[in-house]
Amino acid sequence: MEKKLIKEHRKQTEPQKTIEVQANLLKELYQITAEAKSLSALAIAQHEKENALDLQMEQKKGDFEAEKALKRTQWKKEKEEHEAAKKERNAQVKKERTREAVRGEVKTPAI
């Protein structure tokens, strides 16, 4: 009779253990699903941040290139202006020397 009771007890506790095991598995699956969703959200956020940084870098690079081109144009213009002023000064000096030479010839009588 005792064996029969033990056997009957096992029959009743086995389904309960199975239910507990299945319940624990469901809890674990739920946790895994929740963590996977969280990880997915983090991955999406990371991807969006990378895209935003890439766009920002491209914008800064474009701004830098535009500023560099502007500075290069300004520098070229200043250089051309400087060269023109230098040529004008040289021409003025040459004229002045020519005048002085002519005056010097006129002023000094030939003896």
PDB file of N, CA and C in Angstrom:
ATOM      1  N   MET A   1       0.811  -1.180   0.000  1.00  0.00           N
ATOM      2  CA  MET A   1       0.000   0.000   0.000  1.00  0.00           C
ATOM      3  C   MET A   1       0.867   1.262   0.000  1.00  0.00           C
ATOM      4  N   GLU A   2       1.923   1.210   0.748  1.00  0.00           N
ATOM      5  CA  GLU A   2       2.830   2.347   0.809  1.00  0.00           C
ATOM      6  C   GLU A   2       3.414   2.643  -0.570  1.00  0.00           C
ATOM      7  N   LYS A   3       3.801   1.608  -1.272  1.00  0.00           N
ATOM      8  CA  LYS A   3       4.350   1.775  -2.611  1.00  0.00           C
ATOM      9  C   LYS A   3       3.313   2.402  -3.529  1.00  0.00           C
ATOM     10  N   LYS A   4       2.096   1.977  -3.346  1.00  0.00           N
ATOM     11  CA  LYS A   4       1.027   2.502  -4.171  1.00  0.00           C
ATOM     12  C   LYS A   4       0.818   3.996  -3.891  1.00  0.00           C
ATOM     13  N   LEU A   5       0.886   4.369  -2.638  1.00  0.00           N
ATOM     14  CA  LEU A   5       0.740   5.770  -2.263  1.00  0.00           C
ATOM     15  C   LEU A   5       1.906   6.614  -2.809  1.00  0.00           C
ATOM     16  N   ILE A   6       3.092   6.071  -2.710  1.00  0.00           N
ATOM     17  CA  ILE A   6       4.269   6.780  -3.235  1.00  0.00           C
ATOM     18  C   ILE A   6       4.130   6.962  -4.738  1.00  0.00           C
ATOM     19  N   LYS A   7       3.691   5.904  -5.404  1.00  0.00           N
ATOM     20  CA  LYS A   7       3.506   5.955  -6.850  1.00  0.00           C
ATOM     21  C   LYS A   7       2.443   6.999  -7.207  1.00  0.00           C
ATOM     22  N   GLU A   8       1.386   7.010  -6.461  1.00  0.00           N
ATOM     23  CA  GLU A   8       0.309   7.964  -6.708  1.00  0.00           C
ATOM     24  C   GLU A   8       0.788   9.398  -6.433  1.00  0.00           C
ATOM     25  N   HIS A   9       1.554   9.539  -5.399  1.00  0.00           N
ATOM     26  CA  HIS A   9       2.098  10.853  -5.058  1.00  0.00           C
ATOM     27  C   HIS A   9       3.001  11.362  -6.186  1.00  0.00           C
ATOM     28  N   ARG A  10       3.820  10.482  -6.719  1.00  0.00           N
ATOM     29  CA  ARG A  10       4.712  10.842  -7.830  1.00  0.00           C
ATOM     30  C   ARG A  10       3.901  11.249  -9.056  1.00  0.00           C
ATOM     31  N   LYS A  11       2.823  10.529  -9.309  1.00  0.00           N
ATOM     32  CA  LYS A  11       1.985  10.856 -10.459  1.00  0.00           C
ATOM     33  C   LYS A  11       1.421  12.270 -10.328  1.00  0.00           C
ATOM     34  N   GLN A  12       1.098  12.645  -9.119  1.00  0.00           N
ATOM     35  CA  GLN A  12       0.518  13.967  -8.907  1.00  0.00           C
ATOM     36  C   GLN A  12       1.584  15.067  -8.869  1.00  0.00           C
ATOM     37  N   THR A  13       2.757  14.766  -8.361  1.00  0.00           N
ATOM     38  CA  THR A  13       3.800  15.796  -8.263  1.00  0.00           C
ATOM     39  C   THR A  13       4.557  15.987  -9.574  1.00  0.00           C
ATOM     40  N   GLU A  14       4.608  14.959 -10.399  1.00  0.00           N
ATOM     41  CA  GLU A  14       5.305  15.091 -11.688  1.00  0.00           C
ATOM     42  C   GLU A  14       4.699  16.190 -12.553  1.00  0.00           C
ATOM     43  N   PRO A  15       3.396  16.234 -12.740  1.00  0.00           N
ATOM     44  CA  PRO A  15       2.824  17.326 -13.535  1.00  0.00           C
ATOM     45  C   PRO A  15       3.109  18.696 -12.909  1.00  0.00           C
ATOM     46  N   GLN A  16       3.099  18.757 -11.595  1.00  0.00           N
ATOM     47  CA  GLN A  16       3.386  20.026 -10.914  1.00  0.00           C
ATOM     48  C   GLN A  16       4.821  20.466 -11.195  1.00  0.00           C
ATOM     49  N   LYS A  17       5.749  19.519 -11.143  1.00  0.00           N
ATOM     50  CA  LYS A  17       7.154  19.840 -11.443  1.00  0.00           C
ATOM     51  C   LYS A  17       7.297  20.275 -12.897  1.00  0.00           C
ATOM     52  N   THR A  18       6.594  19.590 -13.785  1.00  0.00           N
ATOM     53  CA  THR A  18       6.642  19.939 -15.202  1.00  0.00           C
ATOM     54  C   THR A  18       6.099  21.347 -15.410  1.00  0.00           C
ATOM     55  N   ILE A  19       5.010  21.657 -14.719  1.00  0.00           N
ATOM     56  CA  ILE A  19       4.426  22.997 -14.816  1.00  0.00           C
ATOM     57  C   ILE A  19       5.414  24.043 -14.303  1.00  0.00           C
ATOM     58  N   GLU A  20       6.083  23.754 -13.200  1.00  0.00           N
ATOM     59  CA  GLU A  20       7.065  24.687 -12.643  1.00  0.00           C
ATOM     60  C   GLU A  20       8.236  24.893 -13.603  1.00  0.00           C
ATOM     61  N   VAL A  21       8.706  23.796 -14.188  1.00  0.00           N
ATOM     62  CA  VAL A  21       9.813  23.882 -15.147  1.00  0.00           C
ATOM     63  C   VAL A  21       9.388  24.715 -16.352  1.00  0.00           C
ATOM     64  N   GLN A  22       8.190  24.457 -16.864  1.00  0.00           N
ATOM     65  CA  GLN A  22       7.692  25.208 -18.016  1.00  0.00           C
ATOM     66  C   GLN A  22       7.499  26.686 -17.662  1.00  0.00           C
ATOM     67  N   ALA A  23       7.008  26.945 -16.459  1.00  0.00           N
ATOM     68  CA  ALA A  23       6.826  28.332 -16.020  1.00  0.00           C
ATOM     69  C   ALA A  23       8.176  29.043 -15.940  1.00  0.00           C
ATOM     70  N   ASN A  24       9.175  28.366 -15.413  1.00  0.00           N
ATOM     71  CA  ASN A  24      10.520  28.951 -15.349  1.00  0.00           C
ATOM     72  C   ASN A  24      11.084  29.199 -16.749  1.00  0.00           C
ATOM     73  N   LEU A  25      10.838  28.262 -17.652  1.00  0.00           N
ATOM     74  CA  LEU A  25      11.291  28.437 -19.032  1.00  0.00           C
ATOM     75  C   LEU A  25      10.610  29.647 -19.674  1.00  0.00           C
ATOM     76  N   LEU A  26       9.306  29.787 -19.428  1.00  0.00           N
ATOM     77  CA  LEU A  26       8.585  30.941 -19.966  1.00  0.00           C
ATOM     78  C   LEU A  26       9.134  32.253 -19.409  1.00  0.00           C
ATOM     79  N   LYS A  27       9.449  32.266 -18.108  1.00  0.00           N
ATOM     80  CA  LYS A  27      10.031  33.466 -17.501  1.00  0.00           C
ATOM     81  C   LYS A  27      11.374  33.798 -18.155  1.00  0.00           C
ATOM     82  N   GLU A  28      12.190  32.776 -18.356  1.00  0.00           N
ATOM     83  CA  GLU A  28      13.493  32.982 -18.992  1.00  0.00           C
ATOM     84  C   GLU A  28      13.326  33.489 -20.423  1.00  0.00           C
ATOM     85  N   LEU A  29      12.379  32.897 -21.143  1.00  0.00           N
ATOM     86  CA  LEU A  29      12.133  33.339 -22.515  1.00  0.00           C
ATOM     87  C   LEU A  29      11.652  34.789 -22.547  1.00  0.00           C
ATOM     88  N   TYR A  30      10.791  35.141 -21.618  1.00  0.00           N
ATOM     89  CA  TYR A  30      10.314  36.514 -21.542  1.00  0.00           C
ATOM     90  C   TYR A  30      11.479  37.466 -21.263  1.00  0.00           C
ATOM     91  N   GLN A  31      12.333  37.065 -20.323  1.00  0.00           N
ATOM     92  CA  GLN A  31      13.500  37.883 -19.992  1.00  0.00           C
ATOM     93  C   GLN A  31      14.426  38.029 -21.199  1.00  0.00           C
ATOM     94  N   ILE A  32      14.649  36.924 -21.888  1.00  0.00           N
ATOM     95  CA  ILE A  32      15.508  36.953 -23.076  1.00  0.00           C
ATOM     96  C   ILE A  32      14.899  37.865 -24.136  1.00  0.00           C
ATOM     97  N   THR A  33      13.587  37.753 -24.329  1.00  0.00           N
ATOM     98  CA  THR A  33      12.909  38.600 -25.314  1.00  0.00           C
ATOM     99  C   THR A  33      13.026  40.072 -24.933  1.00  0.00           C
ATOM    100  N   ALA A  34      12.812  40.375 -23.668  1.00  0.00           N
ATOM    101  CA  ALA A  34      12.908  41.764 -23.204  1.00  0.00           C
ATOM    102  C   ALA A  34      14.332  42.293 -23.390  1.00  0.00           C
ATOM    103  N   GLU A  35      15.316  41.481 -23.061  1.00  0.00           N
ATOM    104  CA  GLU A  35      16.710  41.901 -23.214  1.00  0.00           C
ATOM    105  C   GLU A  35      17.074  42.056 -24.689  1.00  0.00           C
ATOM    106  N   ALA A  36      16.534  41.187 -25.528  1.00  0.00           N
ATOM    107  CA  ALA A  36      16.797  41.290 -26.967  1.00  0.00           C
ATOM    108  C   ALA A  36      16.202  42.585 -27.521  1.00  0.00           C
ATOM    109  N   LYS A  37      14.993  42.929 -27.078  1.00  0.00           N
ATOM    110  CA  LYS A  37      14.376  44.185 -27.519  1.00  0.00           C
ATOM    111  C   LYS A  37      15.205  45.379 -27.053  1.00  0.00           C
ATOM    112  N   SER A  38      15.669  45.307 -25.817  1.00  0.00           N
ATOM    113  CA  SER A  38      16.492  46.383 -25.276  1.00  0.00           C
ATOM    114  C   SER A  38      17.799  46.508 -26.057  1.00  0.00           C
ATOM    115  N   LEU A  39      18.412  45.379 -26.347  1.00  0.00           N
ATOM    116  CA  LEU A  39      19.654  45.374 -27.119  1.00  0.00           C
ATOM    117  C   LEU A  39      19.416  45.914 -28.528  1.00  0.00           C
ATOM    118  N   SER A  40      18.306  45.531 -29.108  1.00  0.00           N
ATOM    119  CA  SER A  40      17.959  46.020 -30.444  1.00  0.00           C
ATOM    120  C   SER A  40      17.771  47.534 -30.427  1.00  0.00           C
ATOM    121  N   ALA A  41      17.097  48.030 -29.404  1.00  0.00           N
ATOM    122  CA  ALA A  41      16.892  49.477 -29.281  1.00  0.00           C
ATOM    123  C   ALA A  41      18.230  50.195 -29.119  1.00  0.00           C
ATOM    124  N   LEU A  42      19.133  49.612 -28.335  1.00  0.00           N
ATOM    125  CA  LEU A  42      20.459  50.210 -28.170  1.00  0.00           C
ATOM    126  C   LEU A  42      21.232  50.216 -29.487  1.00  0.00           C
ATOM    127  N   ALA A  43      21.133  49.128 -30.234  1.00  0.00           N
ATOM    128  CA  ALA A  43      21.826  49.044 -31.526  1.00  0.00           C
ATOM    129  C   ALA A  43      21.281  50.089 -32.498  1.00  0.00           C
ATOM    130  N   ILE A  44      19.970  50.256 -32.508  1.00  0.00           N
ATOM    131  CA  ILE A  44      19.352  51.262 -33.380  1.00  0.00           C
ATOM    132  C   ILE A  44      19.802  52.664 -32.969  1.00  0.00           C
ATOM    133  N   ALA A  45      19.808  52.934 -31.670  1.00  0.00           N
ATOM    134  CA  ALA A  45      20.241  54.246 -31.176  1.00  0.00           C
ATOM    135  C   ALA A  45      21.704  54.498 -31.542  1.00  0.00           C
ATOM    136  N   GLN A  46      22.531  53.476 -31.401  1.00  0.00           N
ATOM    137  CA  GLN A  46      23.947  53.605 -31.754  1.00  0.00           C
ATOM    138  C   GLN A  46      24.104  53.909 -33.242  1.00  0.00           C
ATOM    139  N   HIS A  47      23.343  53.209 -34.056  1.00  0.00           N
ATOM    140  CA  HIS A  47      23.396  53.410 -35.509  1.00  0.00           C
ATOM    141  C   HIS A  47      22.968  54.837 -35.866  1.00  0.00           C
ATOM    142  N   GLU A  48      21.922  55.316 -35.216  1.00  0.00           N
ATOM    143  CA  GLU A  48      21.448  56.680 -35.470  1.00  0.00           C
ATOM    144  C   GLU A  48      22.496  57.711 -35.059  1.00  0.00           C
ATOM    145  N   LYS A  49      23.157  57.470 -33.911  1.00  0.00           N
ATOM    146  CA  LYS A  49      24.203  58.391 -33.465  1.00  0.00           C
ATOM    147  C   LYS A  49      25.371  58.395 -34.447  1.00  0.00           C
ATOM    148  N   GLU A  50      25.744  57.221 -34.932  1.00  0.00           N
ATOM    149  CA  GLU A  50      26.831  57.138 -35.911  1.00  0.00           C
ATOM    150  C   GLU A  50      26.472  57.918 -37.173  1.00  0.00           C
ATOM    151  N   ASN A  51      25.236  57.757 -37.628  1.00  0.00           N
ATOM    152  CA  ASN A  51      24.792  58.490 -38.820  1.00  0.00           C
ATOM    153  C   ASN A  51      24.826  59.995 -38.584  1.00  0.00           C
ATOM    154  N   ALA A  52      24.363  60.409 -37.405  1.00  0.00           N
ATOM    155  CA  ALA A  52      24.364  61.834 -37.077  1.00  0.00           C
ATOM    156  C   ALA A  52      25.796  62.373 -37.036  1.00  0.00           C
ATOM    157  N   LEU A  53      26.705  61.603 -36.441  1.00  0.00           N
ATOM    158  CA  LEU A  53      28.106  62.029 -36.389  1.00  0.00           C
ATOM    159  C   LEU A  53      28.721  62.083 -37.785  1.00  0.00           C
ATOM    160  N   ASP A  54      28.386  61.108 -38.622  1.00  0.00           N
ATOM    161  CA  ASP A  54      28.890  61.112 -40.001  1.00  0.00           C
ATOM    162  C   ASP A  54      28.410  62.357 -40.742  1.00  0.00           C
ATOM    163  N   LEU A  55      27.130  62.680 -40.583  1.00  0.00           N
ATOM    164  CA  LEU A  55      26.591  63.879 -41.232  1.00  0.00           C
ATOM    165  C   LEU A  55      27.269  65.141 -40.710  1.00  0.00           C
ATOM    166  N   GLN A  56      27.476  65.172 -39.401  1.00  0.00           N
ATOM    167  CA  GLN A  56      28.128  66.328 -38.791  1.00  0.00           C
ATOM    168  C   GLN A  56      29.564  66.469 -39.313  1.00  0.00           C
ATOM    169  N   MET A  57      30.271  65.362 -39.413  1.00  0.00           N
ATOM    170  CA  MET A  57      31.642  65.396 -39.929  1.00  0.00           C
ATOM    171  C   MET A  57      31.662  65.849 -41.386  1.00  0.00           C
ATOM    172  N   GLU A  58      30.733  65.359 -42.181  1.00  0.00           N
ATOM    173  CA  GLU A  58      30.656  65.777 -43.584  1.00  0.00           C
ATOM    174  C   GLU A  58      30.373  67.272 -43.685  1.00  0.00           C
ATOM    175  N   GLN A  59      29.482  67.769 -42.829  1.00  0.00           N
ATOM    176  CA  GLN A  59      29.155  69.195 -42.820  1.00  0.00           C
ATOM    177  C   GLN A  59      30.386  70.018 -42.446  1.00  0.00           C
ATOM    178  N   LYS A  60      31.082  69.581 -41.392  1.00  0.00           N
ATOM    179  CA  LYS A  60      32.277  70.308 -40.962  1.00  0.00           C
ATOM    180  C   LYS A  60      33.357  70.257 -42.036  1.00  0.00           C
ATOM    181  N   LYS A  61      33.489  69.113 -42.683  1.00  0.00           N
ATOM    182  CA  LYS A  61      34.481  68.984 -43.753  1.00  0.00           C
ATOM    183  C   LYS A  61      34.134  69.928 -44.902  1.00  0.00           C
ATOM    184  N   GLY A  62      32.856  69.975 -45.265  1.00  0.00           N
ATOM    185  CA  GLY A  62      32.416  70.880 -46.322  1.00  0.00           C
ATOM    186  C   GLY A  62      32.658  72.335 -45.953  1.00  0.00           C
ATOM    187  N   ASP A  63      32.335  72.685 -44.701  1.00  0.00           N
ATOM    188  CA  ASP A  63      32.567  74.055 -44.230  1.00  0.00           C
ATOM    189  C   ASP A  63      34.056  74.396 -44.284  1.00  0.00           C
ATOM    190  N   PHE A  64      34.880  73.436 -43.846  1.00  0.00           N
ATOM    191  CA  PHE A  64      36.326  73.652 -43.853  1.00  0.00           C
ATOM    192  C   PHE A  64      36.840  73.856 -45.275  1.00  0.00           C
ATOM    193  N   GLU A  65      36.386  73.009 -46.190  1.00  0.00           N
ATOM    194  CA  GLU A  65      36.827  73.121 -47.583  1.00  0.00           C
ATOM    195  C   GLU A  65      36.385  74.456 -48.189  1.00  0.00           C
ATOM    196  N   ALA A  66      35.168  74.888 -47.867  1.00  0.00           N
ATOM    197  CA  ALA A  66      34.676  76.173 -48.379  1.00  0.00           C
ATOM    198  C   ALA A  66      35.505  77.325 -47.815  1.00  0.00           C
ATOM    199  N   GLU A  67      35.792  77.265 -46.524  1.00  0.00           N
ATOM    200  CA  GLU A  67      36.595  78.316 -45.898  1.00  0.00           C
ATOM    201  C   GLU A  67      38.016  78.315 -46.471  1.00  0.00           C
ATOM    202  N   LYS A  68      38.553  77.121 -46.697  1.00  0.00           N
ATOM    203  CA  LYS A  68      39.895  77.011 -47.272  1.00  0.00           C
ATOM    204  C   LYS A  68      39.929  77.628 -48.675  1.00  0.00           C
ATOM    205  N   ALA A  69      38.909  77.338 -49.471  1.00  0.00           N
ATOM    206  CA  ALA A  69      38.841  77.900 -50.826  1.00  0.00           C
ATOM    207  C   ALA A  69      38.723  79.421 -50.769  1.00  0.00           C
ATOM    208  N   LEU A  70      37.912  79.927 -49.841  1.00  0.00           N
ATOM    209  CA  LEU A  70      37.754  81.370 -49.684  1.00  0.00           C
ATOM    210  C   LEU A  70      39.078  82.020 -49.290  1.00  0.00           C
ATOM    211  N   LYS A  71      39.759  81.424 -48.324  1.00  0.00           N
ATOM    212  CA  LYS A  71      41.051  81.964 -47.877  1.00  0.00           C
ATOM    213  C   LYS A  71      42.067  81.927 -49.014  1.00  0.00           C
ATOM    214  N   ARG A  72      42.052  80.833 -49.777  1.00  0.00           N
ATOM    215  CA  ARG A  72      42.979  80.708 -50.899  1.00  0.00           C
ATOM    216  C   ARG A  72      42.706  81.809 -51.932  1.00  0.00           C
ATOM    217  N   THR A  73      41.431  82.078 -52.206  1.00  0.00           N
ATOM    218  CA  THR A  73      41.057  83.134 -53.150  1.00  0.00           C
ATOM    219  C   THR A  73      41.489  84.498 -52.623  1.00  0.00           C
ATOM    220  N   GLN A  74      41.246  84.734 -51.334  1.00  0.00           N
ATOM    221  CA  GLN A  74      41.652  86.010 -50.730  1.00  0.00           C
ATOM    222  C   GLN A  74      43.171  86.175 -50.790  1.00  0.00           C
ATOM    223  N   TRP A  75      43.880  85.110 -50.472  1.00  0.00           N
ATOM    224  CA  TRP A  75      45.339  85.155 -50.491  1.00  0.00           C
ATOM    225  C   TRP A  75      45.845  85.448 -51.904  1.00  0.00           C
ATOM    226  N   LYS A  76      45.244  84.791 -52.889  1.00  0.00           N
ATOM    227  CA  LYS A  76      45.649  85.003 -54.282  1.00  0.00           C
ATOM    228  C   LYS A  76      45.396  86.454 -54.693  1.00  0.00           C
ATOM    229  N   LYS A  77      44.235  86.986 -54.297  1.00  0.00           N
ATOM    230  CA  LYS A  77      43.907  88.375 -54.627  1.00  0.00           C
ATOM    231  C   LYS A  77      44.903  89.329 -53.967  1.00  0.00           C
ATOM    232  N   GLU A  78      45.199  89.091 -52.686  1.00  0.00           N
ATOM    233  CA  GLU A  78      46.160  89.935 -51.976  1.00  0.00           C
ATOM    234  C   GLU A  78      47.540  89.849 -52.624  1.00  0.00           C
ATOM    235  N   LYS A  79      47.932  88.668 -53.036  1.00  0.00           N
ATOM    236  CA  LYS A  79      49.227  88.478 -53.688  1.00  0.00           C
ATOM    237  C   LYS A  79      49.272  89.257 -55.000  1.00  0.00           C
ATOM    238  N   GLU A  80      48.191  89.159 -55.786  1.00  0.00           N
ATOM    239  CA  GLU A  80      48.131  89.890 -57.053  1.00  0.00           C
ATOM    240  C   GLU A  80      48.179  91.397 -56.816  1.00  0.00           C
ATOM    241  N   GLU A  81      47.452  91.866 -55.796  1.00  0.00           N
ATOM    242  CA  GLU A  81      47.467  93.293 -55.468  1.00  0.00           C
ATOM    243  C   GLU A  81      48.866  93.733 -55.039  1.00  0.00           C
ATOM    244  N   HIS A  82      49.512  92.892 -54.250  1.00  0.00           N
ATOM    245  CA  HIS A  82      50.869  93.195 -53.789  1.00  0.00           C
ATOM    246  C   HIS A  82      51.830  93.255 -54.977  1.00  0.00           C
ATOM    247  N   GLU A  83      51.712  92.278 -55.872  1.00  0.00           N
ATOM    248  CA  GLU A  83      52.572  92.255 -57.065  1.00  0.00           C
ATOM    249  C   GLU A  83      52.326  93.487 -57.936  1.00  0.00           C
ATOM    250  N   ALA A  84      51.065  93.863 -58.105  1.00  0.00           N
ATOM    251  CA  ALA A  84      50.735  95.050 -58.908  1.00  0.00           C
ATOM    252  C   ALA A  84      51.309  96.307 -58.262  1.00  0.00           C
ATOM    253  N   ALA A  85      51.169  96.409 -56.940  1.00  0.00           N
ATOM    254  CA  ALA A  85      51.709  97.575 -56.227  1.00  0.00           C
ATOM    255  C   ALA A  85      53.229  97.605 -56.343  1.00  0.00           C
ATOM    256  N   LYS A  86      53.852  96.445 -56.265  1.00  0.00           N
ATOM    257  CA  LYS A  86      55.310  96.349 -56.385  1.00  0.00           C
ATOM    258  C   LYS A  86      55.760  96.795 -57.780  1.00  0.00           C
ATOM    259  N   LYS A  87      55.053  96.325 -58.808  1.00  0.00           N
ATOM    260  CA  LYS A  87      55.391  96.725 -60.179  1.00  0.00           C
ATOM    261  C   LYS A  87      55.218  98.227 -60.353  1.00  0.00           C
ATOM    262  N   GLU A  88      54.141  98.746 -59.785  1.00  0.00           N
ATOM    263  CA  GLU A  88      53.881 100.182 -59.889  1.00  0.00           C
ATOM    264  C   GLU A  88      54.977 100.979 -59.191  1.00  0.00           C
ATOM    265  N   ARG A  89      55.392 100.527 -58.003  1.00  0.00           N
ATOM    266  CA  ARG A  89      56.479 101.202 -57.281  1.00  0.00           C
ATOM    267  C   ARG A  89      57.774 101.148 -58.092  1.00  0.00           C
ATOM    268  N   ASN A  90      58.067  99.959 -58.638  1.00  0.00           N
ATOM    269  CA  ASN A  90      59.287  99.820 -59.441  1.00  0.00           C
ATOM    270  C   ASN A  90      59.250 100.739 -60.662  1.00  0.00           C
ATOM    271  N   ALA A  91      58.092 100.810 -61.312  1.00  0.00           N
ATOM    272  CA  ALA A  91      57.952 101.690 -62.477  1.00  0.00           C
ATOM    273  C   ALA A  91      58.122 103.147 -62.060  1.00  0.00           C
ATOM    274  N   GLN A  92      57.547 103.498 -60.913  1.00  0.00           N
ATOM    275  CA  GLN A  92      57.648 104.869 -60.401  1.00  0.00           C
ATOM    276  C   GLN A  92      59.103 105.200 -60.085  1.00  0.00           C
ATOM    277  N   VAL A  93      59.797 104.262 -59.444  1.00  0.00           N
ATOM    278  CA  VAL A  93      61.207 104.477 -59.107  1.00  0.00           C
ATOM    279  C   VAL A  93      62.025 104.626 -60.387  1.00  0.00           C
ATOM    280  N   LYS A  94      61.736 103.776 -61.371  1.00  0.00           N
ATOM    281  CA  LYS A  94      62.457 103.838 -62.646  1.00  0.00           C
ATOM    282  C   LYS A  94      62.230 105.188 -63.328  1.00  0.00           C
ATOM    283  N   LYS A  95      60.980 105.669 -63.321  1.00  0.00           N
ATOM    284  CA  LYS A  95      60.657 106.977 -63.906  1.00  0.00           C
ATOM    285  C   LYS A  95      61.425 108.078 -63.193  1.00  0.00           C
ATOM    286  N   GLU A  96      61.401 107.980 -61.868  1.00  0.00           N
ATOM    287  CA  GLU A  96      62.067 108.991 -61.052  1.00  0.00           C
ATOM    288  C   GLU A  96      63.562 109.006 -61.346  1.00  0.00           C
ATOM    289  N   ARG A  97      64.159 107.854 -61.452  1.00  0.00           N
ATOM    290  CA  ARG A  97      65.590 107.774 -61.752  1.00  0.00           C
ATOM    291  C   ARG A  97      65.884 108.317 -63.153  1.00  0.00           C
ATOM    292  N   THR A  98      64.996 108.011 -64.086  1.00  0.00           N
ATOM    293  CA  THR A  98      65.173 108.523 -65.447  1.00  0.00           C
ATOM    294  C   THR A  98      65.095 110.041 -65.442  1.00  0.00           C
ATOM    295  N   ARG A  99      64.120 110.584 -64.735  1.00  0.00           N
ATOM    296  CA  ARG A  99      63.988 112.044 -64.630  1.00  0.00           C
ATOM    297  C   ARG A  99      65.236 112.655 -64.004  1.00  0.00           C
ATOM    298  N   GLU A 100      65.681 112.003 -62.922  1.00  0.00           N
ATOM    299  CA  GLU A 100      66.869 112.518 -62.248  1.00  0.00           C
ATOM    300  C   GLU A 100      68.081 112.459 -63.174  1.00  0.00           C
ATOM    301  N   ALA A 101      68.163 111.385 -63.947  1.00  0.00           N
ATOM    302  CA  ALA A 101      69.290 111.261 -64.875  1.00  0.00           C
ATOM    303  C   ALA A 101      69.215 112.345 -65.937  1.00  0.00           C
ATOM    304  N   VAL A 102      68.000 112.597 -66.447  1.00  0.00           N
ATOM    305  CA  VAL A 102      67.817 113.643 -67.457  1.00  0.00           C
ATOM    306  C   VAL A 102      68.135 115.000 -66.845  1.00  0.00           C
ATOM    307  N   ARG A 103      67.663 115.254 -65.672  1.00  0.00           N
ATOM    308  CA  ARG A 103      67.933 116.515 -64.985  1.00  0.00           C
ATOM    309  C   ARG A 103      69.430 116.667 -64.726  1.00  0.00           C
ATOM    310  N   GLY A 104      70.011 115.556 -64.335  1.00  0.00           N
ATOM    311  CA  GLY A 104      71.451 115.583 -64.058  1.00  0.00           C
ATOM    312  C   GLY A 104      72.231 115.923 -65.303  1.00  0.00           C
ATOM    313  N   GLU A 105      71.805 115.419 -66.461  1.00  0.00           N
ATOM    314  CA  GLU A 105      72.488 115.717 -67.714  1.00  0.00           C
ATOM    315  C   GLU A 105      72.280 117.174 -68.091  1.00  0.00           C
ATOM    316  N   VAL A 106      71.112 117.651 -67.846  1.00  0.00           N
ATOM    317  CA  VAL A 106      70.793 119.029 -68.196  1.00  0.00           C
ATOM    318  C   VAL A 106      71.508 119.973 -67.247  1.00  0.00           C
ATOM    319  N   LYS A 107      71.559 119.667 -65.985  1.00  0.00           N
ATOM    320  CA  LYS A 107      72.128 120.535 -64.974  1.00  0.00           C
ATOM    321  C   LYS A 107      73.652 120.628 -65.101  1.00  0.00           C
ATOM    322  N   THR A 108      74.273 119.524 -65.406  1.00  0.00           N
ATOM    323  CA  THR A 108      75.732 119.560 -65.456  1.00  0.00           C
ATOM    324  C   THR A 108      76.188 119.999 -66.845  1.00  0.00           C
ATOM    325  N   PRO A 109      76.805 121.154 -66.901  1.00  0.00           N
ATOM    326  CA  PRO A 109      77.289 121.617 -68.200  1.00  0.00           C
ATOM    327  C   PRO A 109      78.530 120.828 -68.617  1.00  0.00           C
ATOM    328  N   ALA A 110      78.642 120.635 -69.876  1.00  0.00           N
ATOM    329  CA  ALA A 110      79.791 119.916 -70.409  1.00  0.00           C
ATOM    330  C   ALA A 110      80.968 120.871 -70.468  1.00  0.00           C
ATOM    331  N   ILE A 111      82.082 120.521 -69.959  1.00  0.00           N
ATOM    332  CA  ILE A 111      83.248 121.392 -69.961  1.00  0.00           C
ATOM    333  C   ILE A 111      84.277 120.893 -70.912  1.00  0.00           C
TER     334      ILE A 111
END
